Protein backbone atom coordinates (compact mmCIF):
# COMPACT_ATOMS: atom_id res chain seq x y z
CA UNK A 1 0.00 0.00 0.00
CA UNK A 2 1.45 3.31 -1.02
CA UNK A 3 1.34 6.51 0.97
CA UNK A 4 -1.40 8.03 -1.22
CA UNK A 5 -3.61 4.95 -0.89
CA UNK A 6 -3.17 5.00 2.88
CA UNK A 7 -3.96 8.72 2.97
CA UNK A 8 -7.10 8.19 0.88
CA UNK A 9 -8.27 5.40 3.18
CA UNK A 10 -7.60 7.49 6.27
CA UNK A 11 -9.37 10.57 4.95
CA UNK A 12 -12.38 8.56 3.79
CA UNK A 13 -12.77 6.78 7.12
CA UNK A 14 -12.38 10.00 9.08
CA UNK A 15 -15.19 11.54 7.01
CA UNK A 16 -17.43 8.48 7.32
CA UNK A 17 -16.90 8.15 11.08
CA UNK A 18 -17.44 11.86 11.68
CA UNK A 19 -20.68 11.68 9.67
CA UNK A 20 -21.76 8.73 11.79
CA UNK A 21 -20.89 10.74 14.91
CA UNK A 22 -23.12 13.62 13.79
CA UNK A 23 -25.96 11.20 13.05
CA UNK A 24 -25.68 9.53 16.46
CA UNK A 25 -25.52 12.91 18.22
CA UNK A 26 -28.70 13.89 16.35
CA UNK A 27 -30.43 10.72 17.49
CA UNK A 28 -29.52 11.52 21.11
CA UNK A 29 -30.73 15.08 20.55
CA UNK A 30 -34.10 13.81 19.39
CA UNK A 31 -34.28 11.57 22.43
CA UNK A 32 -33.03 14.17 24.92
CA UNK A 33 -34.82 17.40 23.94
CA UNK A 34 -38.27 17.99 25.43
CA UNK A 35 -39.81 20.32 22.86
CA UNK A 36 -41.06 19.32 19.42
CA UNK A 37 -39.32 22.30 17.83
CA UNK A 38 -35.95 21.51 19.42
CA UNK A 39 -36.24 17.88 18.33
CA UNK A 40 -37.06 18.94 14.80
CA UNK A 41 -34.06 21.27 14.74
CA UNK A 42 -31.71 18.55 16.07
CA UNK A 43 -32.94 16.07 13.49
CA UNK A 44 -32.61 18.50 10.60
CA UNK A 45 -29.15 19.87 11.30
CA UNK A 46 -27.45 16.62 12.23
CA UNK A 47 -29.12 14.75 9.38
CA UNK A 48 -27.73 17.18 6.83
CA UNK A 49 -24.26 17.35 8.38
CA UNK A 50 -24.01 13.58 8.80
CA UNK A 51 -25.19 12.92 5.27
CA UNK A 52 -22.73 15.35 3.70
CA UNK A 53 -19.78 13.93 5.62
CA UNK A 54 -20.72 10.30 4.92
CA UNK A 55 -21.27 10.95 1.23
CA UNK A 56 -17.94 12.78 0.99
CA UNK A 57 -16.20 9.86 2.69
CA UNK A 58 -17.79 7.36 0.33
CA UNK A 59 -16.82 9.49 -2.67
CA UNK A 60 -13.20 9.59 -1.50
CA UNK A 61 -13.32 5.83 -0.90
CA UNK A 62 -14.69 5.11 -4.39
CA UNK A 63 -12.21 7.32 -6.26
CA UNK A 64 -12.99 8.79 -9.68
CA UNK A 65 -15.56 6.26 -10.90
CA UNK A 66 -19.20 6.07 -11.93
CA UNK A 67 -20.02 5.23 -8.31
CA UNK A 68 -18.79 8.68 -7.28
CA UNK A 69 -21.11 10.32 -9.80
CA UNK A 70 -24.04 8.31 -8.46
CA UNK A 71 -23.12 9.21 -4.86
CA UNK A 72 -22.98 12.90 -5.78
CA UNK A 73 -26.43 12.68 -7.41
CA UNK A 74 -27.83 10.94 -4.32
CA UNK A 75 -26.16 13.54 -2.08
CA UNK A 76 -27.66 16.45 -4.03
CA UNK A 77 -31.08 14.80 -3.85
CA UNK A 78 -30.78 14.32 -0.07
CA UNK A 79 -29.36 17.82 0.38
CA UNK A 80 -32.46 19.28 -1.26
CA UNK A 81 -35.15 16.98 0.16
CA UNK A 82 -33.97 16.88 3.79
CA UNK A 83 -34.42 20.57 4.62
CA UNK A 84 -37.55 20.70 2.45
CA UNK A 85 -39.15 17.86 4.42
CA UNK A 86 -38.19 19.50 7.71
CA UNK A 87 -39.73 22.77 6.57
CA UNK A 88 -42.91 20.97 5.52
CA UNK A 89 -43.21 19.25 8.92
CA UNK A 90 -42.57 22.53 10.77
CA UNK A 91 -45.08 24.40 8.62
CA UNK A 92 -47.71 21.69 9.13
CA UNK A 93 -47.19 21.79 12.89
CA UNK A 94 -47.43 25.59 12.94
CA UNK A 95 -50.59 25.64 10.82
CA UNK A 96 -52.21 22.96 13.00
CA UNK A 97 -51.75 25.18 16.05
CA UNK A 98 -48.58 23.89 17.63
CA UNK A 99 -46.73 27.05 18.68
CA UNK A 100 -43.19 27.28 20.05
CA UNK A 101 -43.04 28.09 23.74
CA UNK A 102 -42.12 31.67 24.54
CA UNK A 103 -39.12 32.52 26.67
CA UNK A 104 -39.82 34.27 29.98
CA UNK A 105 -40.57 37.94 29.43
CA UNK A 106 -41.54 37.60 25.76
CA UNK A 107 -45.12 38.21 24.67
CA UNK A 108 -45.00 36.85 21.13
CA UNK A 109 -46.06 40.15 19.55
CA UNK A 110 -44.12 42.65 17.55
CA UNK A 111 -42.63 45.56 19.52
CA UNK A 112 -44.33 48.94 19.31
CA UNK A 113 -42.50 51.62 17.33
C-alpha atoms as a PDB file:
ATOM      1  CA  UNK A   1       0.000   0.000   0.000  1.00  0.00           C
ATOM      2  CA  UNK A   2       1.453   3.307  -1.021  1.00  0.00           C
ATOM      3  CA  UNK A   3       1.344   6.511   0.969  1.00  0.00           C
ATOM      4  CA  UNK A   4      -1.402   8.025  -1.225  1.00  0.00           C
ATOM      5  CA  UNK A   5      -3.613   4.953  -0.887  1.00  0.00           C
ATOM      6  CA  UNK A   6      -3.173   4.997   2.884  1.00  0.00           C
ATOM      7  CA  UNK A   7      -3.955   8.724   2.968  1.00  0.00           C
ATOM      8  CA  UNK A   8      -7.099   8.191   0.880  1.00  0.00           C
ATOM      9  CA  UNK A   9      -8.267   5.395   3.183  1.00  0.00           C
ATOM     10  CA  UNK A  10      -7.596   7.487   6.275  1.00  0.00           C
ATOM     11  CA  UNK A  11      -9.373  10.572   4.954  1.00  0.00           C
ATOM     12  CA  UNK A  12     -12.379   8.558   3.785  1.00  0.00           C
ATOM     13  CA  UNK A  13     -12.772   6.784   7.119  1.00  0.00           C
ATOM     14  CA  UNK A  14     -12.381  10.004   9.084  1.00  0.00           C
ATOM     15  CA  UNK A  15     -15.187  11.537   7.010  1.00  0.00           C
ATOM     16  CA  UNK A  16     -17.427   8.476   7.317  1.00  0.00           C
ATOM     17  CA  UNK A  17     -16.897   8.151  11.077  1.00  0.00           C
ATOM     18  CA  UNK A  18     -17.439  11.861  11.685  1.00  0.00           C
ATOM     19  CA  UNK A  19     -20.675  11.677   9.667  1.00  0.00           C
ATOM     20  CA  UNK A  20     -21.761   8.731  11.794  1.00  0.00           C
ATOM     21  CA  UNK A  21     -20.890  10.735  14.907  1.00  0.00           C
ATOM     22  CA  UNK A  22     -23.124  13.616  13.791  1.00  0.00           C
ATOM     23  CA  UNK A  23     -25.964  11.195  13.045  1.00  0.00           C
ATOM     24  CA  UNK A  24     -25.676   9.529  16.456  1.00  0.00           C
ATOM     25  CA  UNK A  25     -25.522  12.909  18.218  1.00  0.00           C
ATOM     26  CA  UNK A  26     -28.695  13.893  16.352  1.00  0.00           C
ATOM     27  CA  UNK A  27     -30.429  10.720  17.493  1.00  0.00           C
ATOM     28  CA  UNK A  28     -29.518  11.515  21.105  1.00  0.00           C
ATOM     29  CA  UNK A  29     -30.735  15.085  20.553  1.00  0.00           C
ATOM     30  CA  UNK A  30     -34.102  13.810  19.389  1.00  0.00           C
ATOM     31  CA  UNK A  31     -34.283  11.568  22.430  1.00  0.00           C
ATOM     32  CA  UNK A  32     -33.033  14.173  24.923  1.00  0.00           C
ATOM     33  CA  UNK A  33     -34.819  17.396  23.944  1.00  0.00           C
ATOM     34  CA  UNK A  34     -38.270  17.988  25.427  1.00  0.00           C
ATOM     35  CA  UNK A  35     -39.813  20.321  22.864  1.00  0.00           C
ATOM     36  CA  UNK A  36     -41.062  19.317  19.416  1.00  0.00           C
ATOM     37  CA  UNK A  37     -39.321  22.300  17.831  1.00  0.00           C
ATOM     38  CA  UNK A  38     -35.954  21.514  19.416  1.00  0.00           C
ATOM     39  CA  UNK A  39     -36.237  17.884  18.333  1.00  0.00           C
ATOM     40  CA  UNK A  40     -37.060  18.940  14.795  1.00  0.00           C
ATOM     41  CA  UNK A  41     -34.062  21.266  14.742  1.00  0.00           C
ATOM     42  CA  UNK A  42     -31.714  18.554  16.067  1.00  0.00           C
ATOM     43  CA  UNK A  43     -32.945  16.075  13.486  1.00  0.00           C
ATOM     44  CA  UNK A  44     -32.610  18.496  10.595  1.00  0.00           C
ATOM     45  CA  UNK A  45     -29.150  19.874  11.304  1.00  0.00           C
ATOM     46  CA  UNK A  46     -27.452  16.621  12.225  1.00  0.00           C
ATOM     47  CA  UNK A  47     -29.117  14.749   9.382  1.00  0.00           C
ATOM     48  CA  UNK A  48     -27.732  17.181   6.825  1.00  0.00           C
ATOM     49  CA  UNK A  49     -24.255  17.348   8.378  1.00  0.00           C
ATOM     50  CA  UNK A  50     -24.010  13.576   8.805  1.00  0.00           C
ATOM     51  CA  UNK A  51     -25.193  12.919   5.274  1.00  0.00           C
ATOM     52  CA  UNK A  52     -22.731  15.354   3.704  1.00  0.00           C
ATOM     53  CA  UNK A  53     -19.779  13.928   5.618  1.00  0.00           C
ATOM     54  CA  UNK A  54     -20.718  10.302   4.924  1.00  0.00           C
ATOM     55  CA  UNK A  55     -21.275  10.949   1.228  1.00  0.00           C
ATOM     56  CA  UNK A  56     -17.945  12.782   0.995  1.00  0.00           C
ATOM     57  CA  UNK A  57     -16.204   9.859   2.687  1.00  0.00           C
ATOM     58  CA  UNK A  58     -17.786   7.360   0.331  1.00  0.00           C
ATOM     59  CA  UNK A  59     -16.817   9.493  -2.674  1.00  0.00           C
ATOM     60  CA  UNK A  60     -13.202   9.595  -1.499  1.00  0.00           C
ATOM     61  CA  UNK A  61     -13.321   5.826  -0.901  1.00  0.00           C
ATOM     62  CA  UNK A  62     -14.694   5.112  -4.390  1.00  0.00           C
ATOM     63  CA  UNK A  63     -12.211   7.317  -6.264  1.00  0.00           C
ATOM     64  CA  UNK A  64     -12.989   8.789  -9.685  1.00  0.00           C
ATOM     65  CA  UNK A  65     -15.556   6.261 -10.902  1.00  0.00           C
ATOM     66  CA  UNK A  66     -19.198   6.074 -11.930  1.00  0.00           C
ATOM     67  CA  UNK A  67     -20.016   5.226  -8.313  1.00  0.00           C
ATOM     68  CA  UNK A  68     -18.787   8.676  -7.277  1.00  0.00           C
ATOM     69  CA  UNK A  69     -21.105  10.322  -9.799  1.00  0.00           C
ATOM     70  CA  UNK A  70     -24.037   8.313  -8.458  1.00  0.00           C
ATOM     71  CA  UNK A  71     -23.120   9.205  -4.865  1.00  0.00           C
ATOM     72  CA  UNK A  72     -22.984  12.896  -5.778  1.00  0.00           C
ATOM     73  CA  UNK A  73     -26.435  12.677  -7.407  1.00  0.00           C
ATOM     74  CA  UNK A  74     -27.832  10.937  -4.316  1.00  0.00           C
ATOM     75  CA  UNK A  75     -26.163  13.535  -2.084  1.00  0.00           C
ATOM     76  CA  UNK A  76     -27.657  16.452  -4.030  1.00  0.00           C
ATOM     77  CA  UNK A  77     -31.080  14.803  -3.853  1.00  0.00           C
ATOM     78  CA  UNK A  78     -30.782  14.320  -0.068  1.00  0.00           C
ATOM     79  CA  UNK A  79     -29.357  17.817   0.380  1.00  0.00           C
ATOM     80  CA  UNK A  80     -32.465  19.278  -1.263  1.00  0.00           C
ATOM     81  CA  UNK A  81     -35.151  16.976   0.155  1.00  0.00           C
ATOM     82  CA  UNK A  82     -33.972  16.877   3.792  1.00  0.00           C
ATOM     83  CA  UNK A  83     -34.419  20.565   4.624  1.00  0.00           C
ATOM     84  CA  UNK A  84     -37.546  20.695   2.448  1.00  0.00           C
ATOM     85  CA  UNK A  85     -39.149  17.863   4.416  1.00  0.00           C
ATOM     86  CA  UNK A  86     -38.187  19.496   7.712  1.00  0.00           C
ATOM     87  CA  UNK A  87     -39.725  22.774   6.566  1.00  0.00           C
ATOM     88  CA  UNK A  88     -42.914  20.975   5.523  1.00  0.00           C
ATOM     89  CA  UNK A  89     -43.209  19.251   8.916  1.00  0.00           C
ATOM     90  CA  UNK A  90     -42.567  22.525  10.773  1.00  0.00           C
ATOM     91  CA  UNK A  91     -45.077  24.397   8.623  1.00  0.00           C
ATOM     92  CA  UNK A  92     -47.715  21.693   9.126  1.00  0.00           C
ATOM     93  CA  UNK A  93     -47.186  21.789  12.888  1.00  0.00           C
ATOM     94  CA  UNK A  94     -47.427  25.586  12.935  1.00  0.00           C
ATOM     95  CA  UNK A  95     -50.587  25.637  10.822  1.00  0.00           C
ATOM     96  CA  UNK A  96     -52.210  22.962  12.998  1.00  0.00           C
ATOM     97  CA  UNK A  97     -51.753  25.181  16.049  1.00  0.00           C
ATOM     98  CA  UNK A  98     -48.579  23.889  17.629  1.00  0.00           C
ATOM     99  CA  UNK A  99     -46.726  27.050  18.678  1.00  0.00           C
ATOM    100  CA  UNK A 100     -43.191  27.280  20.047  1.00  0.00           C
ATOM    101  CA  UNK A 101     -43.044  28.091  23.740  1.00  0.00           C
ATOM    102  CA  UNK A 102     -42.115  31.674  24.536  1.00  0.00           C
ATOM    103  CA  UNK A 103     -39.120  32.521  26.666  1.00  0.00           C
ATOM    104  CA  UNK A 104     -39.824  34.266  29.979  1.00  0.00           C
ATOM    105  CA  UNK A 105     -40.572  37.944  29.430  1.00  0.00           C
ATOM    106  CA  UNK A 106     -41.543  37.603  25.761  1.00  0.00           C
ATOM    107  CA  UNK A 107     -45.117  38.212  24.675  1.00  0.00           C
ATOM    108  CA  UNK A 108     -45.002  36.845  21.129  1.00  0.00           C
ATOM    109  CA  UNK A 109     -46.061  40.146  19.549  1.00  0.00           C
ATOM    110  CA  UNK A 110     -44.120  42.651  17.547  1.00  0.00           C
ATOM    111  CA  UNK A 111     -42.628  45.557  19.523  1.00  0.00           C
ATOM    112  CA  UNK A 112     -44.329  48.942  19.305  1.00  0.00           C
ATOM    113  CA  UNK A 113     -42.497  51.625  17.329  1.00  0.00           C
END
